[in-house]
Amino acid sequence: MKCCATERLPSHSVARVPRDPGRGCGESFEVSVVSKQFAGKPALARHRLVHGALAGAMADIHALSIKQAITPEQRAAAAAAAPPR
């Protein structure tokens, strides 16, 4: 799934977490995507870009949860605001 997304949506990172595997009706995924292409776009447009990038794989996906669709700048800002570990 990652290669399919990064070919159509140039991104800095795509993280996927399989959820509820083995139910027989396709796989369920939770994804976080960081891409410059999200700049200036509202959440719905970002989600459409992600779905468009995965169009070829959607027949095998039962459920897709887009946890984050953010720009590299938003990721950097969130990392800077996070409390130190």
PDB file of N, CA and C in Angstrom:
ATOM      1  N   MET A   1       0.819  -1.184   0.000  1.00  0.00           N
ATOM      2  CA  MET A   1       0.000   0.000   0.000  1.00  0.00           C
ATOM      3  C   MET A   1       0.865   1.251   0.000  1.00  0.00           C
ATOM      4  N   LYS A   2       1.992   1.236   0.718  1.00  0.00           N
ATOM      5  CA  LYS A   2       2.839   2.421   0.793  1.00  0.00           C
ATOM      6  C   LYS A   2       3.363   2.811  -0.582  1.00  0.00           C
ATOM      7  N   CYS A   3       3.830   1.844  -1.374  1.00  0.00           N
ATOM      8  CA  CYS A   3       4.376   2.175  -2.683  1.00  0.00           C
ATOM      9  C   CYS A   3       3.291   2.758  -3.583  1.00  0.00           C
ATOM     10  N   CYS A   4       2.106   2.262  -3.484  1.00  0.00           N
ATOM     11  CA  CYS A   4       0.990   2.774  -4.284  1.00  0.00           C
ATOM     12  C   CYS A   4       0.712   4.235  -3.927  1.00  0.00           C
ATOM     13  N   ALA A   5       0.728   4.563  -2.651  1.00  0.00           N
ATOM     14  CA  ALA A   5       0.446   5.924  -2.211  1.00  0.00           C
ATOM     15  C   ALA A   5       1.569   6.875  -2.584  1.00  0.00           C
ATOM     16  N   THR A   6       2.811   6.470  -2.398  1.00  0.00           N
ATOM     17  CA  THR A   6       3.915   7.388  -2.644  1.00  0.00           C
ATOM     18  C   THR A   6       4.176   7.612  -4.126  1.00  0.00           C
ATOM     19  N   GLU A   7       3.747   6.701  -4.993  1.00  0.00           N
ATOM     20  CA  GLU A   7       3.885   6.926  -6.434  1.00  0.00           C
ATOM     21  C   GLU A   7       2.953   8.033  -6.901  1.00  0.00           C
ATOM     22  N   ARG A   8       1.762   8.086  -6.365  1.00  0.00           N
ATOM     23  CA  ARG A   8       0.760   9.054  -6.820  1.00  0.00           C
ATOM     24  C   ARG A   8       0.689  10.302  -5.956  1.00  0.00           C
ATOM     25  N   LEU A   9       1.186  10.233  -4.743  1.00  0.00           N
ATOM     26  CA  LEU A   9       1.139  11.357  -3.813  1.00  0.00           C
ATOM     27  C   LEU A   9       2.509  11.489  -3.180  1.00  0.00           C
ATOM     28  N   PRO A  10       3.401  12.284  -3.784  1.00  0.00           N
ATOM     29  CA  PRO A  10       4.739  12.417  -3.207  1.00  0.00           C
ATOM     30  C   PRO A  10       4.633  12.827  -1.736  1.00  0.00           C
ATOM     31  N   SER A  11       5.235  12.030  -0.890  1.00  0.00           N
ATOM     32  CA  SER A  11       5.107  12.291   0.538  1.00  0.00           C
ATOM     33  C   SER A  11       6.419  12.043   1.245  1.00  0.00           C
ATOM     34  N   HIS A  12       6.502  12.627   2.403  1.00  0.00           N
ATOM     35  CA  HIS A  12       7.680  12.439   3.234  1.00  0.00           C
ATOM     36  C   HIS A  12       7.555  11.172   4.051  1.00  0.00           C
ATOM     37  N   SER A  13       6.342  10.835   4.406  1.00  0.00           N
ATOM     38  CA  SER A  13       6.149   9.595   5.146  1.00  0.00           C
ATOM     39  C   SER A  13       4.713   9.129   5.021  1.00  0.00           C
ATOM     40  N   VAL A  14       4.580   7.835   4.952  1.00  0.00           N
ATOM     41  CA  VAL A  14       3.273   7.189   4.980  1.00  0.00           C
ATOM     42  C   VAL A  14       3.404   6.060   5.988  1.00  0.00           C
ATOM     43  N   ALA A  15       2.647   6.151   7.059  1.00  0.00           N
ATOM     44  CA  ALA A  15       2.669   5.095   8.066  1.00  0.00           C
ATOM     45  C   ALA A  15       1.341   4.372   7.996  1.00  0.00           C
ATOM     46  N   ARG A  16       1.389   3.054   7.999  1.00  0.00           N
ATOM     47  CA  ARG A  16       0.141   2.296   7.978  1.00  0.00           C
ATOM     48  C   ARG A  16       0.143   1.302   9.117  1.00  0.00           C
ATOM     49  N   VAL A  17      -1.004   1.144   9.703  1.00  0.00           N
ATOM     50  CA  VAL A  17      -1.181   0.196  10.796  1.00  0.00           C
ATOM     51  C   VAL A  17      -2.350  -0.698  10.433  1.00  0.00           C
ATOM     52  N   PRO A  18      -2.114  -1.999  10.184  1.00  0.00           N
ATOM     53  CA  PRO A  18      -3.241  -2.888   9.889  1.00  0.00           C
ATOM     54  C   PRO A  18      -4.128  -3.031  11.118  1.00  0.00           C
ATOM     55  N   ARG A  19      -5.434  -3.022  10.910  1.00  0.00           N
ATOM     56  CA  ARG A  19      -6.370  -3.211  12.012  1.00  0.00           C
ATOM     57  C   ARG A  19      -7.309  -4.347  11.653  1.00  0.00           C
ATOM     58  N   ASP A  20      -7.700  -5.099  12.635  1.00  0.00           N
ATOM     59  CA  ASP A  20      -8.649  -6.196  12.463  1.00  0.00           C
ATOM     60  C   ASP A  20      -8.338  -7.106  11.270  1.00  0.00           C
ATOM     61  N   PRO A  21      -7.113  -7.641  11.192  1.00  0.00           N
ATOM     62  CA  PRO A  21      -6.816  -8.523  10.067  1.00  0.00           C
ATOM     63  C   PRO A  21      -7.582  -9.836  10.183  1.00  0.00           C
ATOM     64  N   GLY A  22      -7.787 -10.477   9.056  1.00  0.00           N
ATOM     65  CA  GLY A  22      -8.352 -11.815   9.056  1.00  0.00           C
ATOM     66  C   GLY A  22      -9.855 -11.913   9.148  1.00  0.00           C
ATOM     67  N   ARG A  23     -10.568 -10.860   8.857  1.00  0.00           N
ATOM     68  CA  ARG A  23     -12.025 -10.938   8.920  1.00  0.00           C
ATOM     69  C   ARG A  23     -12.637 -11.390   7.606  1.00  0.00           C
ATOM     70  N   GLY A  24     -11.821 -11.585   6.580  1.00  0.00           N
ATOM     71  CA  GLY A  24     -12.307 -12.142   5.335  1.00  0.00           C
ATOM     72  C   GLY A  24     -12.967 -11.163   4.382  1.00  0.00           C
ATOM     73  N   CYS A  25     -13.077  -9.895   4.751  1.00  0.00           N
ATOM     74  CA  CYS A  25     -13.768  -8.946   3.870  1.00  0.00           C
ATOM     75  C   CYS A  25     -12.816  -7.839   3.419  1.00  0.00           C
ATOM     76  N   GLY A  26     -11.537  -8.102   3.393  1.00  0.00           N
ATOM     77  CA  GLY A  26     -10.556  -7.085   3.040  1.00  0.00           C
ATOM     78  C   GLY A  26      -9.871  -6.573   4.289  1.00  0.00           C
ATOM     79  N   GLU A  27      -8.801  -5.863   4.090  1.00  0.00           N
ATOM     80  CA  GLU A  27      -8.035  -5.386   5.230  1.00  0.00           C
ATOM     81  C   GLU A  27      -8.495  -4.004   5.673  1.00  0.00           C
ATOM     82  N   SER A  28      -8.254  -3.693   6.938  1.00  0.00           N
ATOM     83  CA  SER A  28      -8.543  -2.383   7.501  1.00  0.00           C
ATOM     84  C   SER A  28      -7.224  -1.717   7.854  1.00  0.00           C
ATOM     85  N   PHE A  29      -7.095  -0.434   7.497  1.00  0.00           N
ATOM     86  CA  PHE A  29      -5.855   0.288   7.742  1.00  0.00           C
ATOM     87  C   PHE A  29      -6.113   1.632   8.386  1.00  0.00           C
ATOM     88  N   GLU A  30      -5.134   2.059   9.165  1.00  0.00           N
ATOM     89  CA  GLU A  30      -5.091   3.409   9.704  1.00  0.00           C
ATOM     90  C   GLU A  30      -3.814   4.019   9.150  1.00  0.00           C
ATOM     91  N   VAL A  31      -3.909   5.182   8.487  1.00  0.00           N
ATOM     92  CA  VAL A  31      -2.736   5.776   7.867  1.00  0.00           C
ATOM     93  C   VAL A  31      -2.511   7.205   8.349  1.00  0.00           C
ATOM     94  N   SER A  32      -1.250   7.591   8.341  1.00  0.00           N
ATOM     95  CA  SER A  32      -0.835   8.970   8.557  1.00  0.00           C
ATOM     96  C   SER A  32       0.046   9.332   7.375  1.00  0.00           C
ATOM     97  N   VAL A  33      -0.250  10.453   6.724  1.00  0.00           N
ATOM     98  CA  VAL A  33       0.489  10.862   5.535  1.00  0.00           C
ATOM     99  C   VAL A  33       0.981  12.287   5.728  1.00  0.00           C
ATOM    100  N   VAL A  34       2.249  12.507   5.398  1.00  0.00           N
ATOM    101  CA  VAL A  34       2.849  13.838   5.439  1.00  0.00           C
ATOM    102  C   VAL A  34       3.289  14.164   4.018  1.00  0.00           C
ATOM    103  N   SER A  35       2.735  15.237   3.443  1.00  0.00           N
ATOM    104  CA  SER A  35       3.050  15.592   2.058  1.00  0.00           C
ATOM    105  C   SER A  35       2.969  17.097   1.840  1.00  0.00           C
ATOM    106  N   LYS A  36       3.869  17.613   1.008  1.00  0.00           N
ATOM    107  CA  LYS A  36       3.831  19.028   0.630  1.00  0.00           C
ATOM    108  C   LYS A  36       2.583  19.351  -0.175  1.00  0.00           C
ATOM    109  N   GLN A  37       2.012  18.352  -0.842  1.00  0.00           N
ATOM    110  CA  GLN A  37       0.818  18.576  -1.659  1.00  0.00           C
ATOM    111  C   GLN A  37      -0.403  18.967  -0.835  1.00  0.00           C
ATOM    112  N   PHE A  38      -0.349  18.806   0.477  1.00  0.00           N
ATOM    113  CA  PHE A  38      -1.473  19.172   1.332  1.00  0.00           C
ATOM    114  C   PHE A  38      -1.500  20.665   1.658  1.00  0.00           C
ATOM    115  N   ALA A  39      -0.437  21.388   1.352  1.00  0.00           N
ATOM    116  CA  ALA A  39      -0.339  22.811   1.705  1.00  0.00           C
ATOM    117  C   ALA A  39      -1.504  23.598   1.115  1.00  0.00           C
ATOM    118  N   GLY A  40      -2.161  24.367   1.967  1.00  0.00           N
ATOM    119  CA  GLY A  40      -3.251  25.224   1.534  1.00  0.00           C
ATOM    120  C   GLY A  40      -4.562  24.519   1.257  1.00  0.00           C
ATOM    121  N   LYS A  41      -4.623  23.213   1.506  1.00  0.00           N
ATOM    122  CA  LYS A  41      -5.844  22.456   1.223  1.00  0.00           C
ATOM    123  C   LYS A  41      -6.570  22.116   2.531  1.00  0.00           C
ATOM    124  N   PRO A  42      -7.902  22.182   2.508  1.00  0.00           N
ATOM    125  CA  PRO A  42      -8.659  21.776   3.692  1.00  0.00           C
ATOM    126  C   PRO A  42      -8.614  20.255   3.859  1.00  0.00           C
ATOM    127  N   ALA A  43      -9.069  19.790   5.005  1.00  0.00           N
ATOM    128  CA  ALA A  43      -9.004  18.357   5.343  1.00  0.00           C
ATOM    129  C   ALA A  43      -9.682  17.476   4.297  1.00  0.00           C
ATOM    130  N   LEU A  44     -10.839  17.871   3.812  1.00  0.00           N
ATOM    131  CA  LEU A  44     -11.554  17.048   2.836  1.00  0.00           C
ATOM    132  C   LEU A  44     -10.743  16.881   1.552  1.00  0.00           C
ATOM    133  N   ALA A  45     -10.122  17.940   1.079  1.00  0.00           N
ATOM    134  CA  ALA A  45      -9.296  17.861  -0.132  1.00  0.00           C
ATOM    135  C   ALA A  45      -8.075  16.968   0.106  1.00  0.00           C
ATOM    136  N   ARG A  46      -7.511  17.029   1.294  1.00  0.00           N
ATOM    137  CA  ARG A  46      -6.368  16.175   1.637  1.00  0.00           C
ATOM    138  C   ARG A  46      -6.780  14.703   1.629  1.00  0.00           C
ATOM    139  N   HIS A  47      -7.922  14.415   2.206  1.00  0.00           N
ATOM    140  CA  HIS A  47      -8.413  13.035   2.242  1.00  0.00           C
ATOM    141  C   HIS A  47      -8.705  12.518   0.834  1.00  0.00           C
ATOM    142  N   ARG A  48      -9.223  13.384  -0.011  1.00  0.00           N
ATOM    143  CA  ARG A  48      -9.471  12.990  -1.395  1.00  0.00           C
ATOM    144  C   ARG A  48      -8.167  12.657  -2.119  1.00  0.00           C
ATOM    145  N   LEU A  49      -7.111  13.417  -1.843  1.00  0.00           N
ATOM    146  CA  LEU A  49      -5.800  13.117  -2.433  1.00  0.00           C
ATOM    147  C   LEU A  49      -5.307  11.737  -1.993  1.00  0.00           C
ATOM    148  N   VAL A  50      -5.478  11.437  -0.712  1.00  0.00           N
ATOM    149  CA  VAL A  50      -5.041  10.138  -0.197  1.00  0.00           C
ATOM    150  C   VAL A  50      -5.855   9.020  -0.858  1.00  0.00           C
ATOM    151  N   HIS A  51      -7.171   9.179  -0.897  1.00  0.00           N
ATOM    152  CA  HIS A  51      -8.017   8.163  -1.534  1.00  0.00           C
ATOM    153  C   HIS A  51      -7.673   8.008  -3.013  1.00  0.00           C
ATOM    154  N   GLY A  52      -7.397   9.111  -3.686  1.00  0.00           N
ATOM    155  CA  GLY A  52      -7.016   9.055  -5.088  1.00  0.00           C
ATOM    156  C   GLY A  52      -5.710   8.316  -5.297  1.00  0.00           C
ATOM    157  N   ALA A  53      -4.767   8.522  -4.400  1.00  0.00           N
ATOM    158  CA  ALA A  53      -3.468   7.846  -4.496  1.00  0.00           C
ATOM    159  C   ALA A  53      -3.611   6.348  -4.274  1.00  0.00           C
ATOM    160  N   LEU A  54      -4.620   5.949  -3.516  1.00  0.00           N
ATOM    161  CA  LEU A  54      -4.825   4.535  -3.211  1.00  0.00           C
ATOM    162  C   LEU A  54      -5.905   3.892  -4.077  1.00  0.00           C
ATOM    163  N   ALA A  55      -6.349   4.574  -5.104  1.00  0.00           N
ATOM    164  CA  ALA A  55      -7.465   4.092  -5.923  1.00  0.00           C
ATOM    165  C   ALA A  55      -7.269   2.661  -6.414  1.00  0.00           C
ATOM    166  N   GLY A  56      -6.077   2.326  -6.834  1.00  0.00           N
ATOM    167  CA  GLY A  56      -5.829   0.978  -7.337  1.00  0.00           C
ATOM    168  C   GLY A  56      -5.877  -0.098  -6.271  1.00  0.00           C
ATOM    169  N   ALA A  57      -5.661   0.284  -5.030  1.00  0.00           N
ATOM    170  CA  ALA A  57      -5.640  -0.690  -3.943  1.00  0.00           C
ATOM    171  C   ALA A  57      -6.958  -0.748  -3.169  1.00  0.00           C
ATOM    172  N   MET A  58      -7.861   0.184  -3.413  1.00  0.00           N
ATOM    173  CA  MET A  58      -9.082   0.266  -2.610  1.00  0.00           C
ATOM    174  C   MET A  58      -9.980  -0.964  -2.741  1.00  0.00           C
ATOM    175  N   ALA A  59      -9.895  -1.694  -3.830  1.00  0.00           N
ATOM    176  CA  ALA A  59     -10.722  -2.896  -3.976  1.00  0.00           C
ATOM    177  C   ALA A  59     -10.381  -3.945  -2.934  1.00  0.00           C
ATOM    178  N   ASP A  60      -9.140  -3.932  -2.428  1.00  0.00           N
ATOM    179  CA  ASP A  60      -8.700  -4.902  -1.429  1.00  0.00           C
ATOM    180  C   ASP A  60      -8.769  -4.359  -0.006  1.00  0.00           C
ATOM    181  N   ILE A  61      -9.191  -3.112   0.135  1.00  0.00           N
ATOM    182  CA  ILE A  61      -9.245  -2.482   1.458  1.00  0.00           C
ATOM    183  C   ILE A  61     -10.694  -2.393   1.913  1.00  0.00           C
ATOM    184  N   HIS A  62     -10.954  -2.956   3.080  1.00  0.00           N
ATOM    185  CA  HIS A  62     -12.304  -2.921   3.638  1.00  0.00           C
ATOM    186  C   HIS A  62     -12.574  -1.570   4.300  1.00  0.00           C
ATOM    187  N   ALA A  63     -11.596  -1.090   5.070  1.00  0.00           N
ATOM    188  CA  ALA A  63     -11.769   0.177   5.786  1.00  0.00           C
ATOM    189  C   ALA A  63     -10.449   0.931   5.806  1.00  0.00           C
ATOM    190  N   LEU A  64     -10.538   2.244   5.591  1.00  0.00           N
ATOM    191  CA  LEU A  64      -9.364   3.110   5.611  1.00  0.00           C
ATOM    192  C   LEU A  64      -9.651   4.280   6.525  1.00  0.00           C
ATOM    193  N   SER A  65      -8.863   4.411   7.575  1.00  0.00           N
ATOM    194  CA  SER A  65      -8.973   5.532   8.491  1.00  0.00           C
ATOM    195  C   SER A  65      -7.751   6.414   8.290  1.00  0.00           C
ATOM    196  N   ILE A  66      -7.965   7.663   7.900  1.00  0.00           N
ATOM    197  CA  ILE A  66      -6.859   8.598   7.705  1.00  0.00           C
ATOM    198  C   ILE A  66      -6.675   9.340   9.019  1.00  0.00           C
ATOM    199  N   LYS A  67      -5.684   8.905   9.777  1.00  0.00           N
ATOM    200  CA  LYS A  67      -5.426   9.479  11.097  1.00  0.00           C
ATOM    201  C   LYS A  67      -4.905  10.902  10.970  1.00  0.00           C
ATOM    202  N   GLN A  68      -3.971  11.106  10.048  1.00  0.00           N
ATOM    203  CA  GLN A  68      -3.408  12.432   9.795  1.00  0.00           C
ATOM    204  C   GLN A  68      -3.144  12.583   8.313  1.00  0.00           C
ATOM    205  N   ALA A  69      -3.365  13.778   7.797  1.00  0.00           N
ATOM    206  CA  ALA A  69      -2.965  14.163   6.450  1.00  0.00           C
ATOM    207  C   ALA A  69      -2.439  15.585   6.610  1.00  0.00           C
ATOM    208  N   ILE A  70      -1.140  15.700   6.849  1.00  0.00           N
ATOM    209  CA  ILE A  70      -0.546  16.981   7.227  1.00  0.00           C
ATOM    210  C   ILE A  70       0.657  17.325   6.354  1.00  0.00           C
ATOM    211  N   THR A  71       1.058  18.591   6.419  1.00  0.00           N
ATOM    212  CA  THR A  71       2.235  19.054   5.688  1.00  0.00           C
ATOM    213  C   THR A  71       3.480  18.822   6.542  1.00  0.00           C
ATOM    214  N   PRO A  72       4.662  18.844   5.921  1.00  0.00           N
ATOM    215  CA  PRO A  72       5.895  18.711   6.712  1.00  0.00           C
ATOM    216  C   PRO A  72       6.013  19.817   7.761  1.00  0.00           C
ATOM    217  N   GLU A  73       5.540  21.008   7.424  1.00  0.00           N
ATOM    218  CA  GLU A  73       5.592  22.114   8.382  1.00  0.00           C
ATOM    219  C   GLU A  73       4.692  21.857   9.585  1.00  0.00           C
ATOM    220  N   GLN A  74       3.525  21.284   9.343  1.00  0.00           N
ATOM    221  CA  GLN A  74       2.621  20.953  10.450  1.00  0.00           C
ATOM    222  C   GLN A  74       3.226  19.867  11.336  1.00  0.00           C
ATOM    223  N   ARG A  75       3.905  18.917  10.725  1.00  0.00           N
ATOM    224  CA  ARG A  75       4.561  17.864  11.507  1.00  0.00           C
ATOM    225  C   ARG A  75       5.666  18.453  12.358  1.00  0.00           C
ATOM    226  N   ALA A  76       6.459  19.364  11.786  1.00  0.00           N
ATOM    227  CA  ALA A  76       7.543  20.001  12.538  1.00  0.00           C
ATOM    228  C   ALA A  76       7.001  20.832  13.699  1.00  0.00           C
ATOM    229  N   ALA A  77       5.911  21.557  13.436  1.00  0.00           N
ATOM    230  CA  ALA A  77       5.299  22.386  14.494  1.00  0.00           C
ATOM    231  C   ALA A  77       4.767  21.512  15.619  1.00  0.00           C
ATOM    232  N   ALA A  78       4.152  20.388  15.273  1.00  0.00           N
ATOM    233  CA  ALA A  78       3.627  19.480  16.301  1.00  0.00           C
ATOM    234  C   ALA A  78       4.760  18.871  17.110  1.00  0.00           C
ATOM    235  N   ALA A  79       5.862  18.536  16.446  1.00  0.00           N
ATOM    236  CA  ALA A  79       7.013  17.966  17.155  1.00  0.00           C
ATOM    237  C   ALA A  79       7.626  18.993  18.092  1.00  0.00           C
ATOM    238  N   ALA A  80       7.686  20.245  17.662  1.00  0.00           N
ATOM    239  CA  ALA A  80       8.256  21.302  18.500  1.00  0.00           C
ATOM    240  C   ALA A  80       7.363  21.605  19.706  1.00  0.00           C
ATOM    241  N   ALA A  81       6.053  21.456  19.557  1.00  0.00           N
ATOM    242  CA  ALA A  81       5.116  21.741  20.636  1.00  0.00           C
ATOM    243  C   ALA A  81       4.955  20.571  21.596  1.00  0.00           C
ATOM    244  N   ALA A  82       5.396  19.395  21.199  1.00  0.00           N
ATOM    245  CA  ALA A  82       5.237  18.223  22.056  1.00  0.00           C
ATOM    246  C   ALA A  82       6.154  18.322  23.272  1.00  0.00           C
ATOM    247  N   PRO A  83       5.649  17.872  24.413  1.00  0.00           N
ATOM    248  CA  PRO A  83       6.494  17.910  25.616  1.00  0.00           C
ATOM    249  C   PRO A  83       7.679  16.967  25.456  1.00  0.00           C
ATOM    250  N   PRO A  84       8.815  17.334  26.041  1.00  0.00           N
ATOM    251  CA  PRO A  84       9.994  16.461  25.931  1.00  0.00           C
ATOM    252  C   PRO A  84       9.755  15.126  26.657  1.00  0.00           C
ATOM    253  N   ARG A  85      10.368  14.098  26.132  1.00  0.00           N
ATOM    254  CA  ARG A  85      10.224  12.762  26.740  1.00  0.00           C
ATOM    255  C   ARG A  85      11.295  12.524  27.743  1.00  0.00           C
TER     256      ARG A  85
END
